[in-house]
Amino acid sequence: MYKFFIKRLADFILSLIAFVIALPIFVLIAVFLFFTNRGKPFFLQSRPGKNAQIFKVIKFKTMNDRRDQAGNLLPDAERLTAIGSFVRRTSLDEIPQLLNVIKGDMSLVGPRPLLVEYLPLYNAEQKRRHDVRPGITGWAQVNGRNAISWQQKFAYDVWYVDNLSFSLDLRIIWMTIMKVFRREGINAEGEATVERFKGN
């Protein structure tokens, strides 16, 4: 009952309430990023959701679009702006994803939506992460976030799919709040965020 009906209803209600509460912060950050990123406060990108259906995820744009002389984007660490770094450290860049949850593309809790280009790289077990809606936070996020290996991350995602429950979601939300305050696992070692997944 929870997995097939109550979870979606709870996602909608809680996300709507959270977005209304966070609206002043949302507007303030959007204004700052509008000027920092030359009129582009938001970052939209195609991501696979439940059953690998593609949707547009929305986040605050924490990196600029600076390129080298050949026209290639500079490394993430060089494009991360000062305000973008703050927004990312405090996880405020995730606020716009509440709109994805309200729409039904995402859930508050579930495996994080990754890049579309990763889809052909998953093995059969890893593909099971798409059996549920992706989440703003998830079991992998509270067990290392960007500081763990891809294999560990996928193992946590599949474990969540197999053990999804109301009590587990509550536990993950509480652990997420603690992680945000402690600012743990935001970056992989030597990276601004996390290294790209290159297959098994």
N, C-alpha and C. Protein backbone atom coordinates (compact mmCIF):
# COMPACT_ATOMS: atom_id res chain seq x y z
N MET A 1 0.83 -1.21 0.00
CA MET A 1 0.00 0.00 0.00
C MET A 1 0.87 1.27 0.00
N TYR A 2 1.89 1.29 0.88
CA TYR A 2 2.75 2.47 0.95
C TYR A 2 3.49 2.69 -0.36
N LYS A 3 4.09 1.63 -0.89
CA LYS A 3 4.92 1.73 -2.10
C LYS A 3 4.11 2.18 -3.31
N PHE A 4 2.88 1.72 -3.43
CA PHE A 4 2.11 1.96 -4.65
C PHE A 4 1.12 3.13 -4.57
N PHE A 5 0.84 3.64 -3.37
CA PHE A 5 -0.13 4.73 -3.27
C PHE A 5 0.27 5.81 -2.27
N ILE A 6 0.50 5.41 -1.02
CA ILE A 6 0.74 6.38 0.05
C ILE A 6 2.03 7.16 -0.19
N LYS A 7 3.06 6.52 -0.69
CA LYS A 7 4.34 7.20 -0.91
C LYS A 7 4.18 8.37 -1.87
N ARG A 8 3.47 8.17 -2.97
CA ARG A 8 3.28 9.25 -3.95
C ARG A 8 2.44 10.38 -3.36
N LEU A 9 1.40 10.03 -2.60
CA LEU A 9 0.56 11.06 -1.98
C LEU A 9 1.37 11.86 -0.97
N ALA A 10 2.18 11.17 -0.17
CA ALA A 10 3.01 11.85 0.82
C ALA A 10 4.04 12.74 0.13
N ASP A 11 4.62 12.25 -0.96
CA ASP A 11 5.59 13.05 -1.73
C ASP A 11 4.97 14.37 -2.18
N PHE A 12 3.77 14.29 -2.74
CA PHE A 12 3.11 15.48 -3.27
C PHE A 12 2.82 16.50 -2.16
N ILE A 13 2.22 16.02 -1.08
CA ILE A 13 1.83 16.93 0.01
C ILE A 13 3.05 17.54 0.69
N LEU A 14 4.03 16.72 1.04
CA LEU A 14 5.21 17.22 1.75
C LEU A 14 6.06 18.13 0.87
N SER A 15 6.17 17.81 -0.42
CA SER A 15 6.95 18.64 -1.33
C SER A 15 6.30 20.00 -1.54
N LEU A 16 4.98 20.00 -1.64
CA LEU A 16 4.26 21.27 -1.82
C LEU A 16 4.44 22.16 -0.60
N ILE A 17 4.33 21.58 0.59
CA ILE A 17 4.52 22.33 1.83
C ILE A 17 5.95 22.85 1.92
N ALA A 18 6.92 21.97 1.64
CA ALA A 18 8.33 22.34 1.72
C ALA A 18 8.67 23.44 0.73
N PHE A 19 8.10 23.38 -0.47
CA PHE A 19 8.40 24.40 -1.48
C PHE A 19 7.85 25.76 -1.07
N VAL A 20 6.64 25.78 -0.52
CA VAL A 20 6.05 27.04 -0.05
C VAL A 20 6.90 27.64 1.06
N ILE A 21 7.36 26.80 1.99
CA ILE A 21 8.20 27.28 3.09
C ILE A 21 9.54 27.80 2.57
N ALA A 22 10.10 27.10 1.59
CA ALA A 22 11.42 27.45 1.06
C ALA A 22 11.37 28.52 -0.02
N LEU A 23 10.18 28.98 -0.39
CA LEU A 23 10.04 29.93 -1.50
C LEU A 23 10.88 31.19 -1.34
N PRO A 24 10.93 31.83 -0.17
CA PRO A 24 11.78 33.03 -0.04
C PRO A 24 13.25 32.73 -0.32
N ILE A 25 13.75 31.59 0.18
CA ILE A 25 15.13 31.20 -0.07
C ILE A 25 15.32 30.89 -1.55
N PHE A 26 14.34 30.22 -2.13
CA PHE A 26 14.37 29.87 -3.56
C PHE A 26 14.53 31.13 -4.41
N VAL A 27 13.74 32.14 -4.13
CA VAL A 27 13.78 33.39 -4.89
C VAL A 27 15.11 34.10 -4.69
N LEU A 28 15.59 34.15 -3.45
CA LEU A 28 16.84 34.84 -3.14
C LEU A 28 18.03 34.21 -3.88
N ILE A 29 18.12 32.88 -3.82
CA ILE A 29 19.20 32.19 -4.50
C ILE A 29 19.10 32.38 -6.01
N ALA A 30 17.88 32.31 -6.54
CA ALA A 30 17.67 32.47 -7.98
C ALA A 30 18.14 33.85 -8.44
N VAL A 31 17.89 34.88 -7.65
CA VAL A 31 18.32 36.24 -8.00
C VAL A 31 19.84 36.33 -8.02
N PHE A 32 20.49 35.80 -6.97
CA PHE A 32 21.95 35.83 -6.91
C PHE A 32 22.56 35.09 -8.10
N LEU A 33 22.03 33.88 -8.39
CA LEU A 33 22.58 33.09 -9.48
C LEU A 33 22.26 33.69 -10.85
N PHE A 34 21.18 34.45 -10.94
CA PHE A 34 20.83 35.12 -12.19
C PHE A 34 21.96 36.06 -12.61
N PHE A 35 22.49 36.79 -11.63
CA PHE A 35 23.57 37.74 -11.95
C PHE A 35 24.92 37.04 -12.05
N THR A 36 25.14 36.01 -11.24
CA THR A 36 26.41 35.28 -11.27
C THR A 36 26.59 34.50 -12.56
N ASN A 37 25.49 33.91 -13.05
CA ASN A 37 25.57 33.03 -14.22
C ASN A 37 24.99 33.67 -15.49
N ARG A 38 25.05 34.99 -15.55
CA ARG A 38 24.64 35.72 -16.76
C ARG A 38 23.20 35.38 -17.19
N GLY A 39 22.30 35.48 -16.24
CA GLY A 39 20.89 35.29 -16.55
C GLY A 39 20.41 33.86 -16.55
N LYS A 40 21.25 32.91 -16.07
CA LYS A 40 20.87 31.50 -16.05
C LYS A 40 20.96 30.93 -14.63
N PRO A 41 19.92 31.12 -13.84
CA PRO A 41 19.97 30.63 -12.45
C PRO A 41 19.68 29.14 -12.31
N PHE A 42 19.09 28.54 -13.34
CA PHE A 42 18.69 27.13 -13.25
C PHE A 42 19.45 26.24 -14.22
N PHE A 43 19.59 25.00 -13.81
CA PHE A 43 20.25 23.98 -14.61
C PHE A 43 19.22 22.89 -14.89
N LEU A 44 18.90 22.68 -16.17
CA LEU A 44 17.97 21.63 -16.56
C LEU A 44 18.70 20.58 -17.37
N GLN A 45 18.44 19.33 -17.06
CA GLN A 45 19.12 18.25 -17.78
C GLN A 45 18.23 17.02 -17.83
N SER A 46 18.30 16.31 -18.94
CA SER A 46 17.53 15.08 -19.09
C SER A 46 18.11 14.00 -18.18
N ARG A 47 17.24 13.33 -17.44
CA ARG A 47 17.65 12.23 -16.56
C ARG A 47 16.63 11.10 -16.68
N PRO A 48 17.04 9.86 -16.48
CA PRO A 48 16.10 8.75 -16.50
C PRO A 48 15.39 8.61 -15.16
N GLY A 49 14.07 8.42 -15.22
CA GLY A 49 13.29 8.25 -14.01
C GLY A 49 12.83 6.81 -13.84
N LYS A 50 11.64 6.64 -13.28
CA LYS A 50 11.10 5.30 -13.09
C LYS A 50 10.93 4.62 -14.46
N ASN A 51 11.33 3.36 -14.53
CA ASN A 51 11.30 2.58 -15.78
C ASN A 51 12.14 3.22 -16.87
N ALA A 52 13.14 4.01 -16.44
CA ALA A 52 14.08 4.68 -17.35
C ALA A 52 13.42 5.69 -18.28
N GLN A 53 12.23 6.18 -17.90
CA GLN A 53 11.56 7.22 -18.67
C GLN A 53 12.30 8.55 -18.46
N ILE A 54 12.58 9.27 -19.54
CA ILE A 54 13.38 10.49 -19.46
C ILE A 54 12.53 11.68 -19.04
N PHE A 55 13.06 12.48 -18.12
CA PHE A 55 12.42 13.72 -17.71
C PHE A 55 13.50 14.79 -17.52
N LYS A 56 13.07 16.03 -17.34
CA LYS A 56 14.01 17.14 -17.14
C LYS A 56 14.14 17.43 -15.64
N VAL A 57 15.32 17.20 -15.09
CA VAL A 57 15.55 17.53 -13.69
C VAL A 57 15.94 19.00 -13.61
N ILE A 58 15.49 19.68 -12.57
CA ILE A 58 15.81 21.09 -12.40
C ILE A 58 16.58 21.31 -11.09
N LYS A 59 17.70 22.02 -11.20
CA LYS A 59 18.51 22.35 -10.04
C LYS A 59 19.00 23.78 -10.19
N PHE A 60 19.53 24.34 -9.11
CA PHE A 60 20.18 25.64 -9.25
C PHE A 60 21.51 25.43 -9.98
N LYS A 61 21.86 26.37 -10.83
CA LYS A 61 23.08 26.28 -11.63
C LYS A 61 24.26 26.75 -10.79
N THR A 62 25.11 25.82 -10.37
CA THR A 62 26.22 26.15 -9.47
C THR A 62 27.55 26.33 -10.21
N MET A 63 27.56 26.01 -11.51
CA MET A 63 28.79 26.17 -12.30
C MET A 63 28.53 27.06 -13.51
N ASN A 64 29.54 27.84 -13.88
CA ASN A 64 29.40 28.68 -15.08
C ASN A 64 29.73 27.86 -16.33
N ASP A 65 29.71 28.51 -17.48
CA ASP A 65 29.91 27.80 -18.75
C ASP A 65 31.26 28.13 -19.40
N ARG A 66 32.26 28.39 -18.58
CA ARG A 66 33.57 28.75 -19.10
C ARG A 66 34.18 27.59 -19.89
N ARG A 67 34.82 27.93 -21.02
CA ARG A 67 35.41 26.93 -21.90
C ARG A 67 36.87 27.25 -22.19
N ASP A 68 37.62 26.25 -22.63
CA ASP A 68 39.01 26.47 -22.99
C ASP A 68 39.08 27.00 -24.43
N GLN A 69 40.28 27.19 -24.94
CA GLN A 69 40.46 27.76 -26.28
C GLN A 69 39.90 26.86 -27.38
N ALA A 70 39.77 25.57 -27.10
CA ALA A 70 39.23 24.64 -28.09
C ALA A 70 37.70 24.56 -28.03
N GLY A 71 37.13 25.30 -27.09
CA GLY A 71 35.67 25.30 -26.97
C GLY A 71 35.11 24.25 -26.04
N ASN A 72 35.99 23.52 -25.34
CA ASN A 72 35.54 22.49 -24.39
C ASN A 72 35.31 23.09 -23.01
N LEU A 73 34.28 22.59 -22.33
CA LEU A 73 34.02 23.07 -20.98
C LEU A 73 35.21 22.78 -20.07
N LEU A 74 35.54 23.75 -19.21
CA LEU A 74 36.62 23.54 -18.26
C LEU A 74 36.18 22.51 -17.21
N PRO A 75 37.12 21.92 -16.47
CA PRO A 75 36.76 20.96 -15.42
C PRO A 75 35.80 21.57 -14.40
N ASP A 76 34.99 20.72 -13.78
CA ASP A 76 33.98 21.19 -12.81
C ASP A 76 34.57 22.11 -11.75
N ALA A 77 35.73 21.75 -11.20
CA ALA A 77 36.34 22.51 -10.12
C ALA A 77 36.65 23.94 -10.54
N GLU A 78 36.95 24.14 -11.84
CA GLU A 78 37.28 25.48 -12.33
C GLU A 78 36.04 26.29 -12.69
N ARG A 79 34.92 25.62 -12.86
CA ARG A 79 33.68 26.32 -13.24
C ARG A 79 32.75 26.56 -12.05
N LEU A 80 33.05 25.96 -10.91
CA LEU A 80 32.22 26.12 -9.73
C LEU A 80 32.38 27.53 -9.18
N THR A 81 31.28 28.30 -9.15
CA THR A 81 31.34 29.69 -8.69
C THR A 81 31.34 29.73 -7.16
N ALA A 82 31.68 30.89 -6.62
CA ALA A 82 31.74 31.05 -5.16
C ALA A 82 30.36 30.80 -4.53
N ILE A 83 29.34 31.45 -5.08
CA ILE A 83 28.00 31.24 -4.53
C ILE A 83 27.52 29.82 -4.85
N GLY A 84 27.95 29.31 -6.00
CA GLY A 84 27.59 27.94 -6.36
C GLY A 84 28.17 26.94 -5.38
N SER A 85 29.39 27.18 -4.95
CA SER A 85 30.04 26.32 -3.97
C SER A 85 29.28 26.32 -2.65
N PHE A 86 28.84 27.51 -2.23
CA PHE A 86 28.05 27.62 -0.99
C PHE A 86 26.72 26.89 -1.12
N VAL A 87 26.03 27.12 -2.24
CA VAL A 87 24.73 26.49 -2.47
C VAL A 87 24.86 24.97 -2.49
N ARG A 88 25.95 24.48 -3.08
CA ARG A 88 26.15 23.03 -3.16
C ARG A 88 26.52 22.46 -1.79
N ARG A 89 27.40 23.14 -1.05
CA ARG A 89 27.82 22.66 0.27
C ARG A 89 26.65 22.53 1.22
N THR A 90 25.71 23.46 1.10
CA THR A 90 24.54 23.46 1.99
C THR A 90 23.37 22.68 1.41
N SER A 91 23.57 22.07 0.23
CA SER A 91 22.54 21.28 -0.46
C SER A 91 21.32 22.10 -0.88
N LEU A 92 21.46 23.42 -0.91
CA LEU A 92 20.35 24.27 -1.35
C LEU A 92 20.09 24.14 -2.84
N ASP A 93 21.06 23.59 -3.58
CA ASP A 93 20.86 23.41 -5.02
C ASP A 93 19.78 22.37 -5.33
N GLU A 94 19.38 21.60 -4.30
CA GLU A 94 18.37 20.57 -4.50
C GLU A 94 16.94 21.12 -4.39
N ILE A 95 16.76 22.33 -3.87
CA ILE A 95 15.42 22.88 -3.64
C ILE A 95 14.53 22.83 -4.89
N PRO A 96 15.02 23.23 -6.08
CA PRO A 96 14.14 23.21 -7.25
C PRO A 96 13.60 21.82 -7.60
N GLN A 97 14.27 20.77 -7.13
CA GLN A 97 13.80 19.42 -7.44
C GLN A 97 12.48 19.09 -6.73
N LEU A 98 12.10 19.92 -5.78
CA LEU A 98 10.78 19.76 -5.17
C LEU A 98 9.70 19.89 -6.25
N LEU A 99 9.98 20.70 -7.27
CA LEU A 99 9.03 20.84 -8.39
C LEU A 99 8.94 19.54 -9.18
N ASN A 100 10.07 18.83 -9.32
CA ASN A 100 10.05 17.52 -9.98
C ASN A 100 9.22 16.52 -9.19
N VAL A 101 9.30 16.61 -7.86
CA VAL A 101 8.53 15.69 -7.01
C VAL A 101 7.04 16.01 -7.12
N ILE A 102 6.70 17.29 -7.09
CA ILE A 102 5.30 17.70 -7.21
C ILE A 102 4.72 17.23 -8.54
N LYS A 103 5.51 17.32 -9.60
CA LYS A 103 5.08 16.86 -10.93
C LYS A 103 4.91 15.35 -11.00
N GLY A 104 5.66 14.63 -10.18
CA GLY A 104 5.59 13.17 -10.22
C GLY A 104 6.76 12.52 -10.91
N ASP A 105 7.74 13.32 -11.36
CA ASP A 105 8.93 12.78 -11.99
C ASP A 105 9.83 12.09 -10.96
N MET A 106 9.81 12.63 -9.74
CA MET A 106 10.70 12.16 -8.70
C MET A 106 9.95 11.91 -7.40
N SER A 107 10.67 11.34 -6.45
CA SER A 107 10.16 11.13 -5.10
C SER A 107 11.08 11.88 -4.13
N LEU A 108 10.65 12.09 -2.91
CA LEU A 108 11.55 12.69 -1.93
C LEU A 108 12.71 11.74 -1.64
N VAL A 109 12.42 10.44 -1.60
CA VAL A 109 13.43 9.43 -1.29
C VAL A 109 13.47 8.38 -2.39
N GLY A 110 14.66 8.08 -2.87
CA GLY A 110 14.84 7.08 -3.91
C GLY A 110 16.24 7.19 -4.47
N PRO A 111 16.65 6.31 -5.36
CA PRO A 111 17.97 6.43 -5.99
C PRO A 111 18.09 7.75 -6.74
N ARG A 112 19.24 8.38 -6.66
CA ARG A 112 19.42 9.65 -7.34
C ARG A 112 19.31 9.48 -8.86
N PRO A 113 18.69 10.43 -9.57
CA PRO A 113 18.63 10.34 -11.04
C PRO A 113 19.99 10.68 -11.63
N LEU A 114 20.55 9.76 -12.37
CA LEU A 114 21.88 9.94 -12.95
C LEU A 114 21.78 10.34 -14.42
N LEU A 115 22.90 10.36 -15.11
CA LEU A 115 22.93 10.81 -16.49
C LEU A 115 22.33 9.76 -17.44
N VAL A 116 21.68 10.24 -18.48
CA VAL A 116 21.08 9.34 -19.48
C VAL A 116 22.15 8.48 -20.14
N GLU A 117 23.34 9.05 -20.32
CA GLU A 117 24.41 8.32 -21.01
C GLU A 117 24.90 7.11 -20.22
N TYR A 118 24.54 7.01 -18.95
CA TYR A 118 24.93 5.85 -18.14
C TYR A 118 24.05 4.63 -18.41
N LEU A 119 22.86 4.84 -18.95
CA LEU A 119 21.90 3.74 -19.10
C LEU A 119 22.48 2.49 -19.78
N PRO A 120 23.21 2.62 -20.91
CA PRO A 120 23.74 1.42 -21.56
C PRO A 120 24.88 0.75 -20.76
N LEU A 121 25.39 1.44 -19.73
CA LEU A 121 26.54 0.93 -18.99
C LEU A 121 26.15 0.06 -17.80
N TYR A 122 24.88 0.08 -17.41
CA TYR A 122 24.44 -0.68 -16.25
C TYR A 122 24.38 -2.17 -16.56
N ASN A 123 24.68 -3.00 -15.56
CA ASN A 123 24.40 -4.42 -15.70
C ASN A 123 22.95 -4.67 -15.26
N ALA A 124 22.48 -5.90 -15.36
CA ALA A 124 21.07 -6.20 -15.09
C ALA A 124 20.67 -5.82 -13.67
N GLU A 125 21.56 -6.05 -12.71
CA GLU A 125 21.26 -5.73 -11.31
C GLU A 125 21.18 -4.22 -11.11
N GLN A 126 22.09 -3.48 -11.68
CA GLN A 126 22.13 -2.03 -11.51
C GLN A 126 20.92 -1.36 -12.15
N LYS A 127 20.40 -1.95 -13.22
CA LYS A 127 19.22 -1.38 -13.88
C LYS A 127 18.00 -1.38 -12.97
N ARG A 128 17.98 -2.22 -11.95
CA ARG A 128 16.84 -2.32 -11.05
C ARG A 128 16.63 -1.04 -10.23
N ARG A 129 17.63 -0.15 -10.22
CA ARG A 129 17.46 1.12 -9.52
C ARG A 129 16.34 1.95 -10.14
N HIS A 130 15.97 1.62 -11.39
CA HIS A 130 14.91 2.34 -12.09
C HIS A 130 13.52 1.71 -11.88
N ASP A 131 13.43 0.76 -10.96
CA ASP A 131 12.12 0.16 -10.65
C ASP A 131 11.26 1.08 -9.80
N VAL A 132 11.87 2.13 -9.24
CA VAL A 132 11.15 3.11 -8.43
C VAL A 132 11.49 4.51 -8.93
N ARG A 133 10.72 5.50 -8.50
CA ARG A 133 11.04 6.89 -8.87
C ARG A 133 12.37 7.30 -8.24
N PRO A 134 13.17 8.07 -8.96
CA PRO A 134 14.41 8.59 -8.37
C PRO A 134 14.06 9.60 -7.27
N GLY A 135 15.01 9.83 -6.37
CA GLY A 135 14.73 10.71 -5.23
C GLY A 135 15.67 11.87 -5.10
N ILE A 136 15.25 12.86 -4.32
CA ILE A 136 16.12 13.98 -3.99
C ILE A 136 17.24 13.49 -3.07
N THR A 137 16.89 12.58 -2.18
CA THR A 137 17.87 11.92 -1.34
C THR A 137 17.60 10.43 -1.39
N GLY A 138 18.55 9.64 -0.91
CA GLY A 138 18.37 8.20 -0.97
C GLY A 138 19.31 7.47 -0.04
N TRP A 139 19.23 6.15 -0.06
CA TRP A 139 20.03 5.32 0.83
C TRP A 139 21.52 5.48 0.53
N ALA A 140 21.89 5.63 -0.73
CA ALA A 140 23.30 5.84 -1.08
C ALA A 140 23.78 7.21 -0.58
N GLN A 141 22.91 8.21 -0.63
CA GLN A 141 23.30 9.55 -0.21
C GLN A 141 23.61 9.61 1.28
N VAL A 142 22.85 8.90 2.09
CA VAL A 142 23.10 8.95 3.54
C VAL A 142 24.16 7.94 3.96
N ASN A 143 24.68 7.18 2.99
CA ASN A 143 25.76 6.22 3.28
C ASN A 143 27.02 6.55 2.50
N GLY A 144 27.24 7.84 2.28
CA GLY A 144 28.47 8.25 1.63
C GLY A 144 28.33 9.28 0.53
N ARG A 145 27.14 9.36 -0.07
CA ARG A 145 26.87 10.34 -1.12
C ARG A 145 27.92 10.26 -2.22
N ASN A 146 28.66 11.33 -2.48
CA ASN A 146 29.65 11.34 -3.56
C ASN A 146 31.02 10.80 -3.15
N ALA A 147 31.17 10.40 -1.89
CA ALA A 147 32.46 9.94 -1.40
C ALA A 147 32.62 8.43 -1.48
N ILE A 148 31.65 7.70 -2.03
CA ILE A 148 31.74 6.26 -2.16
C ILE A 148 31.88 5.86 -3.62
N SER A 149 32.26 4.61 -3.88
CA SER A 149 32.46 4.16 -5.26
C SER A 149 31.12 3.96 -5.95
N TRP A 150 31.16 3.91 -7.28
CA TRP A 150 29.93 3.67 -8.04
C TRP A 150 29.33 2.31 -7.69
N GLN A 151 30.17 1.30 -7.50
CA GLN A 151 29.65 -0.03 -7.17
C GLN A 151 28.91 -0.03 -5.84
N GLN A 152 29.47 0.67 -4.85
CA GLN A 152 28.80 0.79 -3.55
C GLN A 152 27.47 1.53 -3.70
N LYS A 153 27.51 2.59 -4.50
CA LYS A 153 26.32 3.41 -4.70
C LYS A 153 25.19 2.60 -5.32
N PHE A 154 25.50 1.84 -6.36
CA PHE A 154 24.48 1.02 -7.01
C PHE A 154 23.96 -0.08 -6.10
N ALA A 155 24.84 -0.64 -5.29
CA ALA A 155 24.42 -1.68 -4.35
C ALA A 155 23.43 -1.11 -3.34
N TYR A 156 23.69 0.10 -2.86
CA TYR A 156 22.76 0.76 -1.93
C TYR A 156 21.42 1.06 -2.61
N ASP A 157 21.48 1.49 -3.88
CA ASP A 157 20.26 1.81 -4.62
C ASP A 157 19.36 0.58 -4.77
N VAL A 158 19.95 -0.53 -5.15
CA VAL A 158 19.18 -1.76 -5.34
C VAL A 158 18.66 -2.28 -4.01
N TRP A 159 19.46 -2.13 -2.95
CA TRP A 159 19.01 -2.54 -1.62
C TRP A 159 17.77 -1.74 -1.23
N TYR A 160 17.78 -0.44 -1.54
CA TYR A 160 16.62 0.40 -1.23
C TYR A 160 15.39 -0.09 -1.98
N VAL A 161 15.53 -0.40 -3.26
CA VAL A 161 14.40 -0.90 -4.06
C VAL A 161 13.79 -2.14 -3.42
N ASP A 162 14.64 -3.02 -2.90
CA ASP A 162 14.16 -4.27 -2.31
C ASP A 162 13.58 -4.10 -0.91
N ASN A 163 13.92 -2.99 -0.24
CA ASN A 163 13.51 -2.82 1.15
C ASN A 163 12.68 -1.56 1.39
N LEU A 164 12.18 -0.95 0.32
CA LEU A 164 11.40 0.28 0.43
C LEU A 164 10.26 0.14 1.43
N SER A 165 10.18 1.10 2.35
CA SER A 165 9.11 1.10 3.35
C SER A 165 8.98 2.50 3.94
N PHE A 166 7.87 2.74 4.62
CA PHE A 166 7.63 4.03 5.26
C PHE A 166 8.71 4.32 6.31
N SER A 167 9.03 3.32 7.14
CA SER A 167 10.02 3.53 8.20
C SER A 167 11.40 3.80 7.63
N LEU A 168 11.74 3.13 6.53
CA LEU A 168 13.05 3.36 5.90
C LEU A 168 13.12 4.76 5.32
N ASP A 169 12.05 5.22 4.68
CA ASP A 169 12.02 6.58 4.13
C ASP A 169 12.19 7.62 5.23
N LEU A 170 11.51 7.43 6.35
CA LEU A 170 11.65 8.36 7.48
C LEU A 170 13.09 8.38 7.98
N ARG A 171 13.68 7.20 8.07
CA ARG A 171 15.07 7.10 8.52
C ARG A 171 16.00 7.83 7.59
N ILE A 172 15.80 7.67 6.28
CA ILE A 172 16.66 8.33 5.30
C ILE A 172 16.51 9.84 5.35
N ILE A 173 15.27 10.32 5.50
CA ILE A 173 15.04 11.77 5.59
C ILE A 173 15.75 12.34 6.81
N TRP A 174 15.65 11.65 7.95
CA TRP A 174 16.30 12.13 9.18
C TRP A 174 17.83 12.12 9.00
N MET A 175 18.37 11.04 8.44
CA MET A 175 19.81 10.96 8.22
C MET A 175 20.28 12.02 7.23
N THR A 176 19.44 12.35 6.25
CA THR A 176 19.78 13.39 5.27
C THR A 176 19.93 14.74 5.95
N ILE A 177 18.99 15.05 6.83
CA ILE A 177 19.04 16.32 7.57
C ILE A 177 20.35 16.41 8.36
N MET A 178 20.73 15.32 9.02
CA MET A 178 21.98 15.29 9.79
C MET A 178 23.20 15.46 8.86
N LYS A 179 23.17 14.81 7.70
CA LYS A 179 24.27 14.92 6.75
C LYS A 179 24.43 16.34 6.23
N VAL A 180 23.30 17.00 5.96
CA VAL A 180 23.35 18.37 5.45
C VAL A 180 24.00 19.29 6.47
N PHE A 181 23.61 19.15 7.74
CA PHE A 181 24.19 19.99 8.78
C PHE A 181 25.69 19.72 8.96
N ARG A 182 26.09 18.46 8.78
CA ARG A 182 27.50 18.10 8.94
C ARG A 182 28.30 18.29 7.66
N ARG A 183 27.58 18.47 6.53
CA ARG A 183 28.21 18.67 5.22
C ARG A 183 29.15 17.52 4.88
N GLU A 184 28.65 16.31 5.00
CA GLU A 184 29.46 15.12 4.76
C GLU A 184 29.24 14.56 3.36
N GLY A 185 30.31 14.05 2.74
CA GLY A 185 30.23 13.29 1.50
C GLY A 185 29.81 14.07 0.27
N ILE A 186 30.00 15.39 0.28
CA ILE A 186 29.55 16.20 -0.85
C ILE A 186 30.45 15.98 -2.07
N ASN A 187 31.76 15.87 -1.84
CA ASN A 187 32.68 15.70 -2.95
C ASN A 187 33.40 14.36 -2.89
N ALA A 188 33.71 13.82 -4.05
CA ALA A 188 34.61 12.67 -4.11
C ALA A 188 36.03 13.21 -3.95
N GLU A 189 36.94 12.37 -3.48
CA GLU A 189 38.32 12.81 -3.28
C GLU A 189 38.93 13.29 -4.59
N GLY A 190 39.43 14.54 -4.59
CA GLY A 190 40.06 15.09 -5.78
C GLY A 190 39.11 15.60 -6.84
N GLU A 191 37.81 15.63 -6.55
CA GLU A 191 36.82 16.06 -7.53
C GLU A 191 35.94 17.16 -6.93
N ALA A 192 35.35 17.99 -7.81
CA ALA A 192 34.41 19.00 -7.34
C ALA A 192 33.10 18.35 -6.95
N THR A 193 32.75 17.28 -7.61
CA THR A 193 31.51 16.55 -7.28
C THR A 193 31.84 15.06 -7.18
N VAL A 194 31.78 14.36 -8.29
CA VAL A 194 32.09 12.92 -8.31
C VAL A 194 32.59 12.57 -9.71
N GLU A 195 33.50 11.58 -9.80
CA GLU A 195 33.98 11.18 -11.12
C GLU A 195 32.85 10.52 -11.91
N ARG A 196 32.96 10.55 -13.22
CA ARG A 196 31.92 9.99 -14.09
C ARG A 196 31.95 8.47 -14.05
N PHE A 197 30.78 7.88 -14.22
CA PHE A 197 30.67 6.42 -14.28
C PHE A 197 31.08 5.96 -15.68
N LYS A 198 32.01 5.00 -15.75
CA LYS A 198 32.53 4.55 -17.04
C LYS A 198 32.20 3.10 -17.33
N GLY A 199 31.30 2.54 -16.56
CA GLY A 199 30.91 1.15 -16.80
C GLY A 199 31.52 0.23 -15.79
N ASN A 200 31.12 -1.02 -15.83
CA ASN A 200 31.60 -2.00 -14.85
C ASN A 200 32.91 -2.63 -15.31
